[in-house]
Amino acid sequence: MFAQSLYQTYKRFRTLQTDRITALPIVILMPHSACNCRCVMCDIWKDNKNLKQLTENDIRELLVSLKRLGTQQVLMSGGEALLNPNFFNLCGILQKYNIRISLLSTGLTLKKNADQLVQWVNDIIVSLDGNEPLHNNIRNIPDAYQKLKEGVQYIKNIEPGFKITARTVIHRLNFRYWPGIIESAREIGLDQISFLPADVSSHAFNREVPWNEQRQHEILPEENELPELKRVLESIIQKYPAEFTSHFIAENPGKLRNIWGYYAAFYGLNPFPYKKCNAPWVSAVVEADGTVRPCFFHPPMGNIRQDSLENILNSRESIRFRKELDMDKDNTCIKCVCYLNLPPSTKLN
């Protein structure tokens, strides 16, 4: 086992050095293109009528590359992955090869699927936007908060140690209620909560064209609101030292302050916060129609229904993309709201 781990570390190091993917520890799959929420900061649900989903055959074919590349973790994203009627069959195919499965979910159907989730998924990350009325309003689903809460607590009753965390997008509509979001996470019974700013500038989340300025400012805090955002942020840092120490709040205070820095950068008050990221070298995204991307935000590289994942990632064009990608200058990377930095020796849980 130690020799195998050492070999994987070596292959991950070689990938970073040569730009040729020989190890791919993380893969993000989108089993289903539709979503069961209608979030104000996302356009995925607007294309629900054009349903696309991954099949069991897609996963079996994909598994050939995942085994060769030593994939250790698959994140099931979306849309809402649980809308795929064969979701747990897909998990079963992956689990046979000891691939860890994390589910990113709206949380609306956790209770309905609780028994199978505990069996087939290793951990769950849910979206939380505020206290009950605010969460429901942002999700555009009247009982979204209650369903989320019931689902989390039902799973915790079945398996108290099952890890369920939350991710919150902080933006104009909820930053004033930030402390209440932390309290709601505790009330629901979540193990941890993390925060990130809203993406308002990319093609991601089913945007055929980037949002215009008016649409951006529905989500982007206005310049005259930035002082209030900073006050709220600093009050959280002062109020919740124990939650930072215990990592109930995932980010440290410095990373949390980057949310203010990110929004301030839109008004030229400072540069966009620096992010150390190697996502295109250690992960890949496979969308519901088989499209492969180096991350959520960069253009497609190919499609697994036309070629193997390994061939797509190591095509001449894909290798050139990684060789030429300067994250300090690339506009997509500069404005990215999330990042993944996985050194070769990092062990995945």
Protein backbone atom coordinates (compact mmCIF):
# COMPACT_ATOMS: atom_id res chain seq x y z
CA MET A 1 0.00 0.00 0.00
CA PHE A 2 2.85 2.38 0.88
CA ALA A 3 4.64 1.62 -2.41
CA GLN A 4 1.42 2.22 -4.35
CA SER A 5 0.87 5.54 -2.56
CA LEU A 6 4.46 6.57 -3.29
CA TYR A 7 4.00 5.69 -6.95
CA GLN A 8 0.83 7.81 -7.16
CA THR A 9 2.68 10.72 -5.54
CA TYR A 10 5.41 10.38 -8.14
CA LYS A 11 2.88 10.32 -11.01
CA ARG A 12 1.15 13.42 -9.64
CA PHE A 13 4.52 15.17 -9.43
CA ARG A 14 5.32 14.18 -13.02
CA THR A 15 1.95 15.52 -14.19
CA LEU A 16 2.71 18.92 -12.69
CA GLN A 17 6.18 18.91 -14.26
CA THR A 18 5.31 17.68 -17.75
CA ASP A 19 1.68 18.90 -18.21
CA ARG A 20 0.76 15.37 -19.29
CA ILE A 21 -1.90 13.79 -17.06
CA THR A 22 -0.58 10.54 -15.60
CA ALA A 23 -2.49 10.86 -12.32
CA LEU A 24 -5.94 12.36 -11.84
CA PRO A 25 -6.88 12.19 -8.15
CA ILE A 26 -10.22 14.03 -8.45
CA VAL A 27 -12.99 13.93 -11.05
CA ILE A 28 -16.21 15.97 -10.95
CA LEU A 29 -19.18 14.28 -12.60
CA MET A 30 -22.52 15.87 -13.45
CA PRO A 31 -24.92 12.92 -13.59
CA HIS A 32 -27.94 15.09 -14.44
CA SER A 33 -28.21 18.47 -16.16
CA ALA A 34 -31.41 19.69 -14.50
CA CYS A 35 -31.88 21.19 -11.06
CA ASN A 36 -34.77 21.13 -8.58
CA CYS A 37 -34.10 24.71 -7.39
CA ARG A 38 -34.47 28.02 -9.22
CA CYS A 39 -31.66 29.97 -7.58
CA VAL A 40 -31.33 33.67 -8.31
CA MET A 41 -27.54 33.44 -8.82
CA CYS A 42 -27.61 30.42 -11.16
CA ASP A 43 -29.09 29.69 -14.60
CA ILE A 44 -28.85 25.89 -14.63
CA TRP A 45 -32.57 25.45 -13.97
CA LYS A 46 -33.47 27.58 -16.99
CA ASP A 47 -32.42 24.71 -19.26
CA ASN A 48 -34.27 21.94 -17.38
CA LYS A 49 -36.34 21.10 -20.45
CA ASN A 50 -33.21 20.07 -22.37
CA LEU A 51 -32.44 17.09 -20.20
CA LYS A 52 -29.01 15.45 -20.39
CA GLN A 53 -27.66 12.76 -18.10
CA LEU A 54 -24.80 10.32 -17.74
CA THR A 55 -25.59 6.64 -18.19
CA GLU A 56 -24.23 3.51 -16.55
CA ASN A 57 -22.39 2.76 -19.78
CA ASP A 58 -20.78 6.21 -19.66
CA ILE A 59 -19.44 5.46 -16.18
CA ARG A 60 -18.20 1.98 -17.13
CA GLU A 61 -16.33 3.42 -20.10
CA LEU A 62 -15.02 6.26 -17.98
CA LEU A 63 -13.83 3.83 -15.34
CA VAL A 64 -11.12 2.51 -17.68
CA SER A 65 -9.44 5.93 -17.58
CA LEU A 66 -10.13 6.48 -13.88
CA LYS A 67 -8.38 3.23 -12.98
CA ARG A 68 -5.38 4.01 -15.20
CA LEU A 69 -5.10 7.51 -13.75
CA GLY A 70 -5.53 6.42 -10.14
CA THR A 71 -8.62 8.51 -9.42
CA GLN A 72 -9.41 8.46 -5.72
CA GLN A 73 -12.40 10.76 -5.38
CA VAL A 74 -15.45 11.58 -7.49
CA LEU A 75 -17.60 14.61 -6.72
CA MET A 76 -21.17 14.22 -7.96
CA SER A 77 -22.29 17.69 -8.93
CA GLY A 78 -24.95 19.20 -11.16
CA GLY A 79 -27.66 20.34 -11.56
CA GLU A 80 -28.96 18.02 -8.91
CA ALA A 81 -27.21 14.66 -9.22
CA LEU A 82 -29.97 12.81 -7.36
CA LEU A 83 -32.39 13.55 -10.22
CA ASN A 84 -30.61 10.90 -12.28
CA PRO A 85 -32.80 7.79 -11.79
CA ASN A 86 -29.70 5.57 -11.94
CA PHE A 87 -27.65 7.69 -9.55
CA PHE A 88 -27.02 4.92 -7.03
CA ASN A 89 -26.14 2.44 -9.78
CA LEU A 90 -23.48 4.92 -10.93
CA CYS A 91 -22.18 5.08 -7.36
CA GLY A 92 -22.09 1.29 -7.18
CA ILE A 93 -19.93 1.05 -10.30
CA LEU A 94 -17.43 3.51 -8.82
CA GLN A 95 -17.44 2.03 -5.34
CA LYS A 96 -16.33 -1.38 -6.63
CA TYR A 97 -12.98 0.26 -7.31
CA ASN A 98 -12.73 2.01 -3.93
CA ILE A 99 -13.37 5.45 -5.37
CA ARG A 100 -14.63 7.83 -2.71
CA ILE A 101 -17.91 9.56 -3.61
CA SER A 102 -18.93 13.04 -2.45
CA LEU A 103 -22.35 14.42 -3.33
CA LEU A 104 -23.02 18.13 -3.91
CA SER A 105 -26.75 18.62 -3.43
CA THR A 106 -29.52 21.16 -3.00
CA GLY A 107 -30.70 18.98 -0.12
CA LEU A 108 -34.33 18.82 -1.23
CA THR A 109 -34.47 15.02 -1.54
CA LEU A 110 -31.99 13.91 1.13
CA LYS A 111 -34.69 12.43 3.36
CA LYS A 112 -36.27 10.49 0.50
CA ASN A 113 -32.90 8.99 -0.44
CA ALA A 114 -31.36 8.78 3.04
CA ASP A 115 -30.94 5.01 3.34
CA GLN A 116 -29.21 4.70 -0.02
CA LEU A 117 -27.10 7.82 0.52
CA VAL A 118 -25.63 6.37 3.70
CA GLN A 119 -24.85 3.17 1.80
CA TRP A 120 -23.43 4.55 -1.45
CA VAL A 121 -22.03 8.02 -0.70
CA ASN A 122 -19.14 8.92 1.61
CA ASP A 123 -20.13 12.50 2.42
CA ILE A 124 -22.54 15.23 1.32
CA ILE A 125 -22.07 18.95 0.68
CA VAL A 126 -25.33 20.93 0.65
CA SER A 127 -26.09 24.49 -0.39
CA LEU A 128 -27.25 26.88 2.34
CA ASP A 129 -28.18 30.46 1.48
CA GLY A 130 -29.59 31.88 4.70
CA ASN A 131 -32.09 31.34 7.47
CA GLU A 132 -35.39 29.73 6.52
CA PRO A 133 -37.17 32.64 4.75
CA LEU A 134 -34.01 33.88 3.02
CA HIS A 135 -32.90 30.41 1.90
CA ASN A 136 -36.37 29.73 0.48
CA ASN A 137 -36.41 33.08 -1.28
CA ILE A 138 -32.98 32.68 -2.90
CA ARG A 139 -33.75 29.08 -3.90
CA ASN A 140 -37.23 30.07 -5.16
CA ILE A 141 -38.64 26.97 -3.46
CA PRO A 142 -41.16 27.62 -0.63
CA ASP A 143 -40.08 24.77 1.68
CA ALA A 144 -36.45 24.32 0.61
CA TYR A 145 -35.01 25.05 4.07
CA GLN A 146 -37.32 22.66 5.88
CA LYS A 147 -36.61 19.86 3.42
CA LEU A 148 -32.88 20.45 3.77
CA LYS A 149 -33.10 20.43 7.56
CA GLU A 150 -35.28 17.32 7.69
CA GLY A 151 -32.97 15.49 5.29
CA VAL A 152 -29.80 16.29 7.21
CA GLN A 153 -31.31 15.36 10.55
CA TYR A 154 -32.84 12.15 9.18
CA ILE A 155 -29.46 11.01 7.87
CA LYS A 156 -27.80 11.95 11.15
CA ASN A 157 -30.36 9.80 13.00
CA ILE A 158 -29.47 6.84 10.78
CA GLU A 159 -25.71 7.41 10.91
CA PRO A 160 -24.61 10.08 13.44
CA GLY A 161 -21.04 10.12 12.14
CA PHE A 162 -21.99 10.67 8.50
CA LYS A 163 -20.33 13.90 7.35
CA ILE A 164 -22.62 16.60 5.94
CA THR A 165 -21.20 20.05 5.31
CA ALA A 166 -22.57 23.21 3.69
CA ARG A 167 -21.34 25.67 1.12
CA THR A 168 -22.71 29.20 1.03
CA VAL A 169 -22.36 31.71 -1.78
CA ILE A 170 -22.18 35.16 -0.17
CA HIS A 171 -23.62 37.95 -2.32
CA ARG A 172 -25.71 41.09 -2.27
CA LEU A 173 -28.91 39.33 -1.18
CA ASN A 174 -27.54 37.55 1.88
CA PHE A 175 -24.32 39.14 3.17
CA ARG A 176 -26.20 41.13 5.84
CA TYR A 177 -27.55 37.85 7.24
CA TRP A 178 -24.16 36.15 7.33
CA PRO A 179 -24.16 35.49 11.12
CA GLY A 180 -27.63 33.98 10.80
CA ILE A 181 -26.34 31.58 8.15
CA ILE A 182 -23.75 30.28 10.62
CA GLU A 183 -26.45 29.86 13.26
CA SER A 184 -28.71 28.09 10.75
CA ALA A 185 -25.92 25.66 9.88
CA ARG A 186 -25.61 24.83 13.57
CA GLU A 187 -29.38 24.50 13.98
CA ILE A 188 -29.66 22.13 11.03
CA GLY A 189 -26.89 19.94 12.46
CA LEU A 190 -24.22 20.40 9.80
CA ASP A 191 -20.61 19.47 10.51
CA GLN A 192 -19.04 22.46 8.79
CA ILE A 193 -19.82 25.45 6.61
CA SER A 194 -17.68 27.19 3.98
CA PHE A 195 -18.15 30.47 2.14
CA LEU A 196 -17.27 31.81 -1.30
CA PRO A 197 -18.23 34.83 -3.41
CA ALA A 198 -20.67 34.63 -6.31
CA ASP A 199 -19.48 34.08 -9.86
CA VAL A 200 -21.03 36.85 -11.94
CA SER A 201 -18.63 37.01 -14.88
CA SER A 202 -18.09 33.54 -16.40
CA HIS A 203 -19.93 31.25 -18.81
CA ALA A 204 -20.41 28.65 -16.04
CA PHE A 205 -23.75 27.63 -14.57
CA ASN A 206 -25.45 27.36 -17.96
CA ARG A 207 -24.83 30.91 -19.16
CA GLU A 208 -24.73 30.93 -22.95
CA VAL A 209 -23.32 34.44 -22.71
CA PRO A 210 -21.90 36.16 -19.61
CA TRP A 211 -24.33 38.26 -17.61
CA ASN A 212 -24.67 41.89 -18.62
CA GLU A 213 -23.87 44.62 -16.10
CA GLN A 214 -27.46 44.97 -14.92
CA ARG A 215 -27.78 41.24 -14.22
CA GLN A 216 -24.41 41.18 -12.46
CA HIS A 217 -25.49 43.91 -10.09
CA GLU A 218 -28.51 41.94 -8.97
CA ILE A 219 -26.01 39.68 -7.21
CA LEU A 220 -22.86 41.82 -6.94
CA PRO A 221 -22.76 44.10 -3.87
CA GLU A 222 -22.76 47.74 -4.92
CA GLU A 223 -19.65 49.78 -4.23
CA ASN A 224 -21.46 51.78 -1.53
CA GLU A 225 -22.40 48.49 0.19
CA LEU A 226 -18.80 47.30 0.54
CA PRO A 227 -18.16 49.06 3.89
CA GLU A 228 -21.20 47.30 5.34
CA LEU A 229 -19.99 43.99 3.93
CA LYS A 230 -16.63 44.55 5.62
CA ARG A 231 -18.30 45.37 8.95
CA VAL A 232 -20.38 42.20 8.81
CA LEU A 233 -17.32 40.14 7.91
CA GLU A 234 -15.19 41.57 10.72
CA SER A 235 -18.00 41.05 13.23
CA ILE A 236 -18.06 37.37 12.29
CA ILE A 237 -14.32 37.08 12.84
CA GLN A 238 -14.74 38.67 16.27
CA LYS A 239 -17.85 36.71 17.24
CA TYR A 240 -16.88 33.19 16.21
CA PRO A 241 -13.25 32.49 17.24
CA ALA A 242 -14.15 29.01 18.49
CA GLU A 243 -15.82 28.16 15.18
CA PHE A 244 -12.64 29.11 13.30
CA THR A 245 -10.47 27.13 15.70
CA SER A 246 -12.67 24.02 15.43
CA HIS A 247 -13.00 24.49 11.63
CA PHE A 248 -16.78 24.56 11.88
CA ILE A 249 -16.17 27.58 9.65
CA ALA A 250 -13.93 26.03 7.02
CA GLU A 251 -11.97 29.12 6.00
CA ASN A 252 -9.55 30.99 8.21
CA PRO A 253 -10.21 34.74 8.75
CA GLY A 254 -7.76 35.71 6.01
CA LYS A 255 -9.55 33.63 3.38
CA LEU A 256 -12.89 34.96 4.59
CA ARG A 257 -11.64 38.53 4.08
CA ASN A 258 -10.89 37.61 0.47
CA ILE A 259 -14.64 37.61 -0.18
CA TRP A 260 -14.67 41.35 0.47
CA GLY A 261 -11.48 41.67 -1.59
CA TYR A 262 -13.07 39.82 -4.48
CA TYR A 263 -16.06 42.14 -4.65
CA ALA A 264 -13.91 45.23 -4.09
CA ALA A 265 -11.82 44.23 -7.12
CA PHE A 266 -14.84 44.74 -9.40
CA TYR A 267 -14.67 48.44 -8.52
CA GLY A 268 -10.90 48.71 -8.95
CA LEU A 269 -10.26 49.11 -5.20
CA ASN A 270 -7.69 46.30 -5.18
CA PRO A 271 -6.55 43.39 -7.35
CA PHE A 272 -8.58 40.20 -7.31
CA PRO A 273 -7.34 37.99 -4.45
CA TYR A 274 -4.51 35.66 -5.35
CA LYS A 275 -5.46 31.98 -5.62
CA LYS A 276 -2.94 29.16 -5.83
CA CYS A 277 -4.67 26.58 -8.03
CA ASN A 278 -3.66 23.48 -9.95
CA ALA A 279 -7.15 22.19 -10.80
CA PRO A 280 -6.45 21.50 -14.52
CA TRP A 281 -3.54 19.25 -13.53
CA VAL A 282 -5.24 17.26 -10.74
CA SER A 283 -8.93 17.15 -11.70
CA ALA A 284 -11.39 17.22 -14.57
CA VAL A 285 -15.09 17.91 -15.03
CA VAL A 286 -17.38 15.59 -16.98
CA GLU A 287 -20.74 17.17 -17.74
CA ALA A 288 -24.10 15.44 -18.14
CA ASP A 289 -23.72 15.18 -21.93
CA GLY A 290 -20.17 13.80 -21.66
CA THR A 291 -18.38 17.11 -22.26
CA VAL A 292 -14.98 17.27 -20.56
CA ARG A 293 -13.55 20.49 -19.13
CA PRO A 294 -10.33 21.13 -17.19
CA CYS A 295 -12.47 22.88 -14.56
CA PHE A 296 -15.95 24.42 -14.36
CA PHE A 297 -14.88 27.68 -15.96
CA HIS A 298 -12.57 26.86 -18.90
CA PRO A 299 -13.69 25.75 -22.41
CA PRO A 300 -14.39 22.08 -23.28
CA MET A 301 -11.60 19.71 -24.30
CA GLY A 302 -13.66 16.87 -25.75
CA ASN A 303 -16.42 14.39 -24.98
CA ILE A 304 -16.18 10.95 -23.35
CA ARG A 305 -18.78 9.62 -25.82
CA GLN A 306 -16.29 10.25 -28.61
CA ASP A 307 -12.95 9.41 -26.96
CA SER A 308 -11.55 8.19 -23.66
CA LEU A 309 -11.03 10.66 -20.83
CA GLU A 310 -7.33 9.86 -20.79
CA ASN A 311 -6.97 10.62 -24.50
CA ILE A 312 -8.95 13.84 -24.19
CA LEU A 313 -6.86 15.13 -21.29
CA ASN A 314 -3.62 14.23 -23.05
CA SER A 315 -4.45 15.44 -26.52
CA ARG A 316 -2.00 17.86 -28.10
CA GLU A 317 -4.44 20.73 -27.55
CA SER A 318 -5.07 19.87 -23.90
CA ILE A 319 -1.37 19.60 -23.07
CA ARG A 320 -0.76 22.91 -24.84
CA PHE A 321 -3.58 24.49 -22.81
CA ARG A 322 -1.92 23.49 -19.54
CA LYS A 323 1.55 24.51 -20.70
CA GLU A 324 0.37 27.94 -21.77
CA LEU A 325 -2.07 28.63 -18.93
CA ASP A 326 -0.78 31.53 -16.85
CA MET A 327 -3.20 31.80 -13.96
CA ASP A 328 -1.80 35.17 -12.91
CA LYS A 329 -2.80 36.66 -16.27
CA ASP A 330 -5.69 34.52 -17.53
CA ASN A 331 -8.90 36.52 -17.05
CA THR A 332 -10.96 33.44 -16.24
CA CYS A 333 -8.54 32.40 -13.50
CA ILE A 334 -8.13 35.92 -12.12
CA LYS A 335 -11.89 36.25 -11.56
CA CYS A 336 -12.47 32.65 -10.49
CA VAL A 337 -14.46 32.27 -7.25
CA CYS A 338 -13.06 28.89 -6.28
CA TYR A 339 -9.81 27.00 -6.58
CA LEU A 340 -8.23 23.63 -5.96
CA ASN A 341 -4.62 23.30 -4.92
CA LEU A 342 -3.56 19.70 -4.43
CA PRO A 343 0.19 19.14 -3.89
CA PRO A 344 1.46 15.71 -5.02
CA SER A 345 1.77 14.30 -1.49
CA THR A 346 -1.72 15.36 -0.33
CA LYS A 347 -3.83 12.44 0.88
CA LEU A 348 -7.52 12.55 0.09
CA ASN A 349 -9.90 11.59 2.89
